[in-house]
Amino acid sequence: MKYFAIIGIVFVIGSFFRATSGEVADDCVCKCCDSDNCGKRAFSFHSFVAGSREMCTPEACQAKFSQCLDRGSHNSDSQVFASYLDCECSCCRDDKCPELSSHRFSAGDPSRCTAQQCSARFSQCPDGGSHHIASEVFAVYHDCSCSCCSDERQCTLGNMNIYRWYSGSRGSCTPQHCSAKFKQCPDPGSHNEQYTVTALYSGAEVKDVEPSCDCACCKGSECPNGRTHHKFFAEDPTKCTAEACSANFDQCPEVGAEDGEVFPSYYNCICKCCDENSCPENVENVFYAESQSLCDPSQCSARFSSCPDLGSHNIGAEVKAVFNSAVKLVVVEDSGTASTLPTAGWVGIGIAIVLAAISIMGMVVYITMKKRKGYKWISEDQFKNLTIQANPRTNEDNGNVDIVQASEQSNSKSTEHVDIPINETD
């Protein structure tokens, strides 16, 4: 069983990197009938390579196949349906393994592209069980198509190489990702202007119900074995709390319980990663991105050791970043840093500084004016050491009062006269 599993995985991984356009299977099925046959449910089926969900439309079917009639007054009863095949099933039965057969159907999103769905739809894909122990069933969801040409003649003729793979998000399905992933897709730049690399995303966007709050919890004797993770959707960080975790999950104890732990983490970016030895089995990590542009594979590689950096030395690795656009972008404060002062606080500080400066300037002007009138300014301590003679004598010449200043040395009997001017009034 292990031998067949290894061979089967090698075949599936190899199918991801098929290079020539002739090897690419049709991914759009047209289902058509005219006015005479629609009532009988007699449809004709046609297929072609669309490359993306946006290119697989009834209008495209009508343009390619004469049996698919346009909906005009002369063909009012005709019908045309288009289905984009985004899930590939690679299967083999006991006696046929490891040679895999390929089958496609329209899943709509990764959650419906599973081995169980393959077994339910195609007889060549056996269901799991001991009676099919040597059989293999793999399901691969394709949401990104890379169309490339690296030869001038090939580009002129429009003979493109098409590669399909699972990117996980629109932001991870770009010409740059195609060039990094497939050697037949030249890297962008002025030296390759004559060549063409396009990327078409056909996957479903993240739904509003995608979780955005992770609750890491444990109770009592379970805590030494580590916390279990439980997730739910929270619109913003204020709704991702320990109280909300306790209310949503029985495995999360009440806040403050001595025998349990609850740690909530708010996030909007999911990193799905695997190295060349573990792909396509992904390891998921999450974090909060302050903008959609910051939810990209390079951020995942920088944050998590399980997400390898992309490059020729990691050609078999996968790093996908999925942004949950349903959450509100709110700056999450780091508890380890001081909170910033509100704008109103800075305004108040500015006003206080201005008033203090005005007060100081007023005091300087006041003192200067008094000095010009002959006042002598002394400190409060000096004033306490001043004694006025019992019989003050007015000096008729200068209008001063004689003041006697006691010596600061208690054993000294010397005195010093200080003249303090007094304003005279008429």
Protein backbone atom coordinates (compact mmCIF):
# COMPACT_ATOMS: atom_id res chain seq x y z
CA MET A 1 0.00 0.00 0.00
CA LYS A 2 2.81 2.41 0.92
CA TYR A 3 4.54 1.71 -2.42
CA PHE A 4 1.41 2.51 -4.40
CA ALA A 5 0.74 5.64 -2.33
CA ILE A 6 4.23 7.01 -3.02
CA ILE A 7 3.98 6.27 -6.74
CA GLY A 8 0.50 7.82 -6.86
CA ILE A 9 1.65 11.02 -5.17
CA VAL A 10 4.56 11.31 -7.60
CA PHE A 11 2.15 10.98 -10.53
CA VAL A 12 -0.20 13.62 -9.12
CA ILE A 13 2.58 16.10 -8.38
CA GLY A 14 3.98 15.51 -11.84
CA SER A 15 0.61 16.34 -13.38
CA PHE A 16 0.73 19.79 -11.78
CA PHE A 17 3.68 20.76 -13.96
CA ARG A 18 2.60 19.61 -17.42
CA ALA A 19 3.90 22.15 -19.85
CA THR A 20 2.53 21.81 -23.34
CA SER A 21 -0.83 23.18 -24.39
CA GLY A 22 -1.71 19.88 -26.07
CA GLU A 23 -1.62 18.11 -22.71
CA VAL A 24 -4.05 20.51 -21.06
CA ALA A 25 -7.52 19.01 -20.76
CA ASP A 26 -10.62 20.98 -21.67
CA ASP A 27 -11.94 22.86 -18.66
CA CYS A 28 -15.22 24.29 -19.99
CA VAL A 29 -18.24 22.16 -20.93
CA CYS A 30 -21.06 23.59 -23.05
CA LYS A 31 -24.50 22.02 -22.74
CA CYS A 32 -26.80 23.09 -25.60
CA CYS A 33 -30.16 22.37 -27.20
CA ASP A 34 -32.31 23.99 -29.87
CA SER A 35 -36.05 24.68 -29.73
CA ASP A 36 -36.89 21.21 -31.07
CA ASN A 37 -34.80 19.28 -28.57
CA CYS A 38 -34.97 21.31 -25.37
CA GLY A 39 -38.43 19.97 -24.56
CA LYS A 40 -37.09 16.44 -24.91
CA ARG A 41 -34.11 17.28 -22.68
CA ALA A 42 -31.88 16.20 -25.57
CA PHE A 43 -28.68 18.19 -25.13
CA SER A 44 -25.43 18.19 -27.06
CA PHE A 45 -22.18 18.53 -25.11
CA HIS A 46 -19.04 20.35 -26.24
CA SER A 47 -15.85 21.33 -24.46
CA PHE A 48 -12.87 23.63 -24.90
CA VAL A 49 -9.97 25.13 -22.96
CA ALA A 50 -11.19 28.35 -21.32
CA GLY A 51 -8.43 28.90 -18.77
CA SER A 52 -10.67 30.52 -16.16
CA ARG A 53 -14.25 30.72 -14.94
CA GLU A 54 -14.66 34.18 -16.48
CA MET A 55 -13.88 32.77 -19.95
CA CYS A 56 -16.30 29.85 -19.63
CA THR A 57 -19.64 31.47 -20.47
CA PRO A 58 -22.70 30.71 -22.63
CA GLU A 59 -21.55 33.48 -24.98
CA ALA A 60 -18.19 31.74 -25.42
CA CYS A 61 -20.00 28.47 -26.18
CA GLN A 62 -22.19 30.19 -28.78
CA ALA A 63 -19.12 31.70 -30.41
CA LYS A 64 -17.30 28.36 -30.63
CA PHE A 65 -20.01 25.82 -31.45
CA SER A 66 -22.76 26.08 -34.06
CA GLN A 67 -24.96 23.73 -32.03
CA CYS A 68 -25.09 26.36 -29.29
CA LEU A 69 -27.56 28.91 -30.65
CA ASP A 70 -27.79 32.53 -29.57
CA ARG A 71 -30.92 33.56 -27.67
CA GLY A 72 -32.70 35.69 -30.27
CA SER A 73 -36.35 35.91 -31.27
CA HIS A 74 -35.76 33.17 -33.84
CA ASN A 75 -34.21 30.93 -31.17
CA SER A 76 -36.26 31.95 -28.17
CA ASP A 77 -36.62 28.38 -26.89
CA SER A 78 -32.97 27.38 -27.25
CA GLN A 79 -30.77 26.91 -24.19
CA VAL A 80 -27.02 27.14 -23.59
CA PHE A 81 -25.26 26.29 -20.31
CA ALA A 82 -21.56 26.61 -19.48
CA SER A 83 -19.77 24.79 -16.62
CA TYR A 84 -16.19 25.47 -15.59
CA LEU A 85 -14.40 22.32 -14.43
CA ASP A 86 -12.23 23.44 -11.52
CA CYS A 87 -11.75 20.13 -9.68
CA GLU A 88 -9.50 17.40 -11.06
CA CYS A 89 -9.83 13.83 -9.81
CA SER A 90 -6.84 11.54 -10.35
CA CYS A 91 -7.79 7.93 -9.72
CA CYS A 92 -6.75 4.32 -10.19
CA ARG A 93 -8.22 0.96 -9.22
CA ASP A 94 -6.30 -1.88 -7.63
CA ASP A 95 -5.13 -3.57 -10.82
CA LYS A 96 -4.52 -0.29 -12.68
CA CYS A 97 -2.43 1.57 -10.08
CA PRO A 98 -0.19 3.47 -10.20
CA GLU A 99 -1.43 4.57 -13.66
CA LEU A 100 -3.91 7.35 -12.90
CA SER A 101 -6.92 8.45 -14.95
CA SER A 102 -8.01 12.08 -14.85
CA HIS A 103 -11.59 13.31 -14.45
CA ARG A 104 -12.98 16.81 -13.92
CA PHE A 105 -16.11 18.40 -12.53
CA SER A 106 -17.35 21.82 -11.39
CA ALA A 107 -16.90 22.16 -7.62
CA GLY A 108 -17.19 25.91 -7.11
CA ASP A 109 -14.82 26.05 -4.12
CA PRO A 110 -12.13 23.87 -2.49
CA SER A 111 -14.43 22.48 0.20
CA ARG A 112 -16.40 20.56 -2.46
CA CYS A 113 -13.33 19.26 -4.28
CA THR A 114 -12.64 16.11 -2.27
CA ALA A 115 -11.80 12.45 -2.84
CA GLN A 116 -15.28 11.54 -1.59
CA GLN A 117 -16.87 13.75 -4.27
CA CYS A 118 -14.66 12.14 -6.91
CA SER A 119 -15.73 8.65 -5.84
CA ALA A 120 -19.38 9.68 -5.87
CA ARG A 121 -19.19 11.11 -9.41
CA PHE A 122 -16.86 8.79 -11.33
CA SER A 123 -16.92 4.99 -11.42
CA GLN A 124 -13.19 5.00 -12.18
CA CYS A 125 -12.61 6.55 -8.73
CA PRO A 126 -13.30 3.82 -6.14
CA ASP A 127 -14.53 4.68 -2.67
CA GLY A 128 -12.20 4.15 0.25
CA GLY A 129 -12.26 0.96 2.28
CA SER A 130 -10.49 -2.32 2.89
CA HIS A 131 -11.95 -3.76 -0.34
CA HIS A 132 -10.03 -1.08 -2.28
CA ILE A 133 -6.88 -1.02 -0.20
CA ALA A 134 -4.53 -0.62 -3.19
CA SER A 135 -6.62 2.00 -5.01
CA GLU A 136 -5.86 5.72 -5.06
CA VAL A 137 -8.10 8.82 -5.36
CA PHE A 138 -6.71 12.36 -5.33
CA ALA A 139 -8.71 15.59 -5.65
CA VAL A 140 -7.00 18.84 -6.69
CA TYR A 141 -8.81 22.18 -6.86
CA HIS A 142 -7.58 24.51 -9.63
CA ASP A 143 -8.30 28.21 -9.15
CA CYS A 144 -5.41 29.76 -11.11
CA SER A 145 -4.49 29.36 -14.78
CA CYS A 146 -1.16 30.58 -16.14
CA SER A 147 -0.97 31.19 -19.90
CA CYS A 148 2.60 31.61 -21.12
CA CYS A 149 4.71 31.74 -24.26
CA SER A 150 8.49 31.98 -24.25
CA ASP A 151 9.11 31.76 -28.00
CA GLU A 152 8.47 34.68 -30.38
CA ARG A 153 6.82 32.49 -33.02
CA GLN A 154 4.72 30.75 -30.40
CA CYS A 155 3.56 34.09 -29.01
CA THR A 156 2.73 35.40 -32.51
CA LEU A 157 0.56 32.37 -33.25
CA GLY A 158 -1.07 32.56 -29.84
CA ASN A 159 0.03 29.01 -29.06
CA MET A 160 0.12 29.37 -25.29
CA ASN A 161 1.28 26.91 -22.66
CA ILE A 162 -1.37 26.63 -19.96
CA TYR A 163 -0.74 25.57 -16.36
CA ARG A 164 -3.38 25.12 -13.71
CA TRP A 165 -2.76 25.06 -10.00
CA TYR A 166 -4.30 25.95 -6.64
CA SER A 167 -3.30 29.43 -5.45
CA GLY A 168 -5.79 29.97 -2.64
CA SER A 169 -6.56 33.63 -3.39
CA ARG A 170 -6.67 36.20 -6.15
CA GLY A 171 -3.61 37.93 -4.69
CA SER A 172 -1.56 34.74 -5.10
CA CYS A 173 -2.58 34.22 -8.74
CA THR A 174 -0.39 36.72 -10.58
CA PRO A 175 2.04 36.65 -13.54
CA GLN A 176 4.89 36.89 -11.01
CA HIS A 177 3.69 33.72 -9.26
CA CYS A 178 3.36 31.96 -12.62
CA SER A 179 6.94 32.90 -13.55
CA ALA A 180 8.25 31.70 -10.19
CA LYS A 181 6.33 28.43 -10.42
CA PHE A 182 6.80 27.36 -14.05
CA LYS A 183 10.07 27.63 -15.96
CA GLN A 184 8.22 27.98 -19.29
CA CYS A 185 6.72 31.27 -18.01
CA PRO A 186 9.44 33.95 -18.41
CA ASP A 187 9.95 36.38 -15.58
CA PRO A 188 8.63 39.91 -16.18
CA GLY A 189 11.00 42.66 -17.24
CA SER A 190 12.18 44.71 -20.20
CA HIS A 191 14.38 41.81 -21.40
CA ASN A 192 11.24 39.69 -21.86
CA GLU A 193 8.81 42.26 -23.24
CA GLN A 194 8.17 40.20 -26.38
CA TYR A 195 6.89 37.27 -24.33
CA THR A 196 3.51 36.89 -22.63
CA VAL A 197 2.57 35.70 -19.15
CA THR A 198 -1.02 36.05 -17.92
CA ALA A 199 -2.71 34.76 -14.79
CA LEU A 200 -6.46 34.16 -14.49
CA TYR A 201 -8.05 33.52 -11.09
CA SER A 202 -11.26 31.49 -11.08
CA GLY A 203 -11.67 30.51 -7.44
CA ALA A 204 -14.39 31.60 -5.08
CA GLU A 205 -13.54 34.50 -2.79
CA VAL A 206 -13.44 33.92 0.96
CA LYS A 207 -16.99 33.81 2.31
CA ASP A 208 -18.28 35.99 5.15
CA VAL A 209 -18.59 32.91 7.33
CA GLU A 210 -14.83 32.26 7.26
CA PRO A 211 -13.50 32.31 10.86
CA SER A 212 -11.51 35.29 12.09
CA CYS A 213 -11.11 34.54 15.81
CA ASP A 214 -9.03 31.66 17.14
CA CYS A 215 -9.69 30.48 20.70
CA ALA A 216 -6.86 28.48 22.29
CA CYS A 217 -8.38 26.76 25.33
CA CYS A 218 -7.89 24.01 27.87
CA LYS A 219 -9.59 22.82 31.04
CA GLY A 220 -8.09 21.35 34.19
CA SER A 221 -6.10 18.19 33.59
CA GLU A 222 -6.13 18.80 29.82
CA CYS A 223 -3.85 21.87 30.07
CA PRO A 224 -0.54 19.98 30.48
CA ASN A 225 -1.27 18.32 27.12
CA GLY A 226 -1.65 21.68 25.38
CA ARG A 227 -4.54 23.87 24.28
CA THR A 228 -7.13 23.00 21.64
CA HIS A 229 -8.07 25.55 18.98
CA HIS A 230 -11.63 26.57 18.14
CA LYS A 231 -12.58 29.23 15.60
CA PHE A 232 -15.54 31.48 14.85
CA PHE A 233 -16.26 34.60 12.81
CA ALA A 234 -15.79 37.94 14.59
CA GLU A 235 -16.42 41.14 12.64
CA ASP A 236 -13.70 43.11 14.45
CA PRO A 237 -11.17 42.64 17.30
CA THR A 238 -13.59 43.87 19.98
CA LYS A 239 -15.74 40.80 19.36
CA CYS A 240 -12.83 38.35 19.58
CA THR A 241 -12.54 38.09 23.35
CA ALA A 242 -12.04 35.44 26.01
CA GLU A 243 -15.67 35.93 27.04
CA ALA A 244 -16.83 35.28 23.46
CA CYS A 245 -14.69 32.12 23.30
CA SER A 246 -16.22 30.83 26.53
CA ALA A 247 -19.72 31.59 25.27
CA ASN A 248 -19.16 29.86 21.91
CA PHE A 249 -17.28 26.72 22.94
CA ASP A 250 -17.79 24.31 25.83
CA GLN A 251 -14.09 23.43 25.66
CA CYS A 252 -13.23 27.01 26.73
CA PRO A 253 -13.64 27.60 30.49
CA GLU A 254 -15.17 30.70 32.03
CA VAL A 255 -12.89 33.71 32.18
CA GLY A 256 -10.96 33.74 35.46
CA ALA A 257 -11.33 30.03 36.13
CA GLU A 258 -8.34 28.75 38.09
CA ASP A 259 -8.24 25.37 36.35
CA GLY A 260 -8.39 26.55 32.73
CA GLU A 261 -6.96 28.87 30.08
CA VAL A 262 -8.54 30.94 27.29
CA PHE A 263 -6.47 32.88 24.76
CA PRO A 264 -8.29 34.63 21.84
CA SER A 265 -6.43 35.72 18.67
CA TYR A 266 -7.99 37.89 15.96
CA TYR A 267 -6.83 37.34 12.37
CA ASN A 268 -7.79 37.99 8.75
CA CYS A 269 -4.97 36.29 6.84
CA ILE A 270 -4.54 32.53 6.50
CA CYS A 271 -1.19 31.11 5.39
CA LYS A 272 -1.38 27.65 3.81
CA CYS A 273 2.09 26.21 3.35
CA CYS A 274 3.98 23.02 2.61
CA ASP A 275 7.55 22.18 1.67
CA GLU A 276 8.61 19.98 -1.23
CA ASN A 277 8.50 16.87 0.97
CA SER A 278 5.03 17.41 2.47
CA CYS A 279 3.01 18.98 -0.40
CA PRO A 280 0.12 18.90 -1.07
CA GLU A 281 -0.61 18.53 2.68
CA ASN A 282 -0.69 22.10 4.04
CA VAL A 283 0.12 23.55 7.44
CA GLU A 284 -2.09 26.54 8.31
CA ASN A 285 -0.98 29.62 10.25
CA VAL A 286 -2.92 32.82 10.81
CA PHE A 287 -2.14 36.46 11.57
CA TYR A 288 -3.74 39.92 11.41
CA ALA A 289 -2.81 42.00 8.35
CA GLU A 290 -3.47 45.75 8.51
CA SER A 291 -4.30 45.76 4.78
CA GLN A 292 -5.06 43.23 2.06
CA SER A 293 -1.72 43.93 0.37
CA LEU A 294 0.08 42.74 3.52
CA CYS A 295 -1.59 39.34 3.31
CA ASP A 296 0.75 37.75 0.80
CA PRO A 297 3.08 34.73 0.59
CA SER A 298 6.19 36.78 1.42
CA GLN A 299 4.63 37.82 4.75
CA CYS A 300 3.77 34.19 5.49
CA SER A 301 7.35 33.11 4.78
CA ALA A 302 8.72 35.89 6.99
CA ARG A 303 6.44 35.05 9.93
CA PHE A 304 6.24 31.25 10.01
CA SER A 305 8.99 28.64 9.79
CA SER A 306 6.55 26.17 8.21
CA CYS A 307 6.19 28.53 5.21
CA PRO A 308 9.36 28.24 3.06
CA ASP A 309 10.55 31.19 1.01
CA LEU A 310 9.82 30.82 -2.68
CA GLY A 311 12.64 30.37 -5.15
CA SER A 312 14.47 27.87 -7.31
CA HIS A 313 15.83 26.14 -4.19
CA ASN A 314 12.24 25.45 -3.07
CA ILE A 315 10.61 24.73 -6.42
CA GLY A 316 8.29 22.05 -5.01
CA ALA A 317 7.10 24.15 -2.07
CA GLU A 318 3.77 25.95 -1.78
CA VAL A 319 2.96 29.16 0.11
CA LYS A 320 -0.56 30.59 -0.19
CA ALA A 321 -2.05 33.62 1.55
CA VAL A 322 -5.84 33.91 1.81
CA PHE A 323 -7.29 37.26 2.93
CA ASN A 324 -10.69 37.37 4.64
CA SER A 325 -12.27 40.52 3.20
CA ALA A 326 -15.33 40.14 5.44
CA VAL A 327 -13.57 41.48 8.54
CA LYS A 328 -13.15 45.15 9.38
CA LEU A 329 -9.65 46.57 9.14
CA VAL A 330 -9.02 47.89 12.63
CA VAL A 331 -5.55 48.60 14.02
CA VAL A 332 -4.90 46.09 16.79
CA GLU A 333 -2.85 47.70 19.58
CA ASP A 334 0.13 45.74 20.82
CA SER A 335 -0.22 45.21 24.57
CA GLY A 336 3.55 45.55 24.94
CA THR A 337 3.67 49.15 23.74
CA ALA A 338 2.39 52.33 25.33
CA SER A 339 -0.86 53.67 23.93
CA THR A 340 -0.64 56.91 21.97
CA LEU A 341 -2.04 60.15 23.39
CA PRO A 342 -5.35 61.25 21.84
CA THR A 343 -5.38 64.35 19.64
CA ALA A 344 -7.34 66.30 22.27
CA GLY A 345 -4.56 65.62 24.78
CA TRP A 346 -1.89 67.04 22.50
CA VAL A 347 -4.03 70.16 21.91
CA GLY A 348 -4.38 70.69 25.67
CA ILE A 349 -0.63 70.36 26.19
CA GLY A 350 0.02 72.89 23.43
CA ILE A 351 -2.37 75.43 24.95
CA ALA A 352 -0.77 75.01 28.39
CA ILE A 353 2.71 75.62 26.93
CA VAL A 354 1.54 78.80 25.16
CA LEU A 355 -0.13 80.16 28.34
CA ALA A 356 2.99 79.41 30.39
CA ALA A 357 5.16 81.26 27.86
CA ILE A 358 2.83 84.28 27.95
CA SER A 359 2.90 84.31 31.77
CA ILE A 360 6.71 84.22 31.86
CA MET A 361 6.96 87.02 29.30
CA GLY A 362 4.48 89.12 31.32
CA MET A 363 6.49 88.62 34.50
CA VAL A 364 9.73 89.62 32.76
CA VAL A 365 8.13 92.81 31.42
CA TYR A 366 6.65 93.66 34.84
CA ILE A 367 9.99 93.25 36.65
CA THR A 368 11.81 95.28 34.01
CA MET A 369 9.36 98.18 34.37
CA LYS A 370 9.67 98.19 38.17
CA LYS A 371 13.45 98.22 38.01
CA ARG A 372 13.32 101.25 35.76
CA LYS A 373 11.34 103.06 38.51
CA GLY A 374 14.09 102.36 41.11
CA TYR A 375 12.74 99.28 42.86
CA LYS A 376 15.21 96.80 44.27
CA TRP A 377 14.00 93.22 44.27
CA ILE A 378 14.92 90.98 47.16
CA SER A 379 14.08 87.38 47.97
CA GLU A 380 11.59 86.26 50.61
CA ASP A 381 14.40 84.90 52.81
CA GLN A 382 16.17 88.23 52.64
CA PHE A 383 12.97 90.02 53.53
CA LYS A 384 12.51 87.89 56.68
CA ASN A 385 15.98 88.92 57.88
CA LEU A 386 15.11 92.60 57.57
CA THR A 387 14.09 94.62 60.68
CA ILE A 388 12.72 98.11 60.54
CA GLN A 389 14.00 100.51 63.20
CA ALA A 390 11.47 101.41 65.89
CA ASN A 391 11.58 105.06 64.96
CA PRO A 392 11.87 105.10 61.20
CA ARG A 393 13.42 108.25 59.96
CA THR A 394 12.45 109.62 56.64
CA ASN A 395 15.28 110.91 54.63
CA GLU A 396 14.05 114.13 53.22
CA ASP A 397 16.70 114.07 50.53
CA ASN A 398 15.89 110.81 48.87
CA GLY A 399 12.52 109.81 50.34
CA ASN A 400 13.88 106.50 51.66
CA VAL A 401 13.13 104.64 54.89
CA ASP A 402 16.18 103.39 56.81
CA ILE A 403 16.06 99.64 57.13
CA VAL A 404 18.40 97.61 59.30
CA GLN A 405 19.32 94.13 58.04
CA ALA A 406 20.30 91.67 60.76
CA SER A 407 23.47 89.68 60.22
CA GLU A 408 22.92 86.01 59.30
CA GLN A 409 25.57 85.07 61.83
CA SER A 410 23.94 84.95 65.27
CA ASN A 411 27.15 85.88 67.13
CA SER A 412 27.75 88.99 65.02
CA LYS A 413 26.44 92.35 66.15
CA SER A 414 27.09 94.18 62.91
CA THR A 415 24.20 95.59 60.97
CA GLU A 416 23.80 96.69 57.41
CA HIS A 417 21.59 99.47 56.18
CA VAL A 418 19.60 98.82 53.02
CA ASP A 419 17.62 101.56 51.38
CA ILE A 420 14.31 100.48 49.83
CA PRO A 421 12.64 103.06 47.65
CA ILE A 422 9.05 104.01 48.42
CA ASN A 423 6.75 105.43 45.83
CA GLU A 424 5.62 108.87 46.86
CA THR A 425 2.10 109.96 46.24
CA ASP A 426 0.91 113.51 46.12
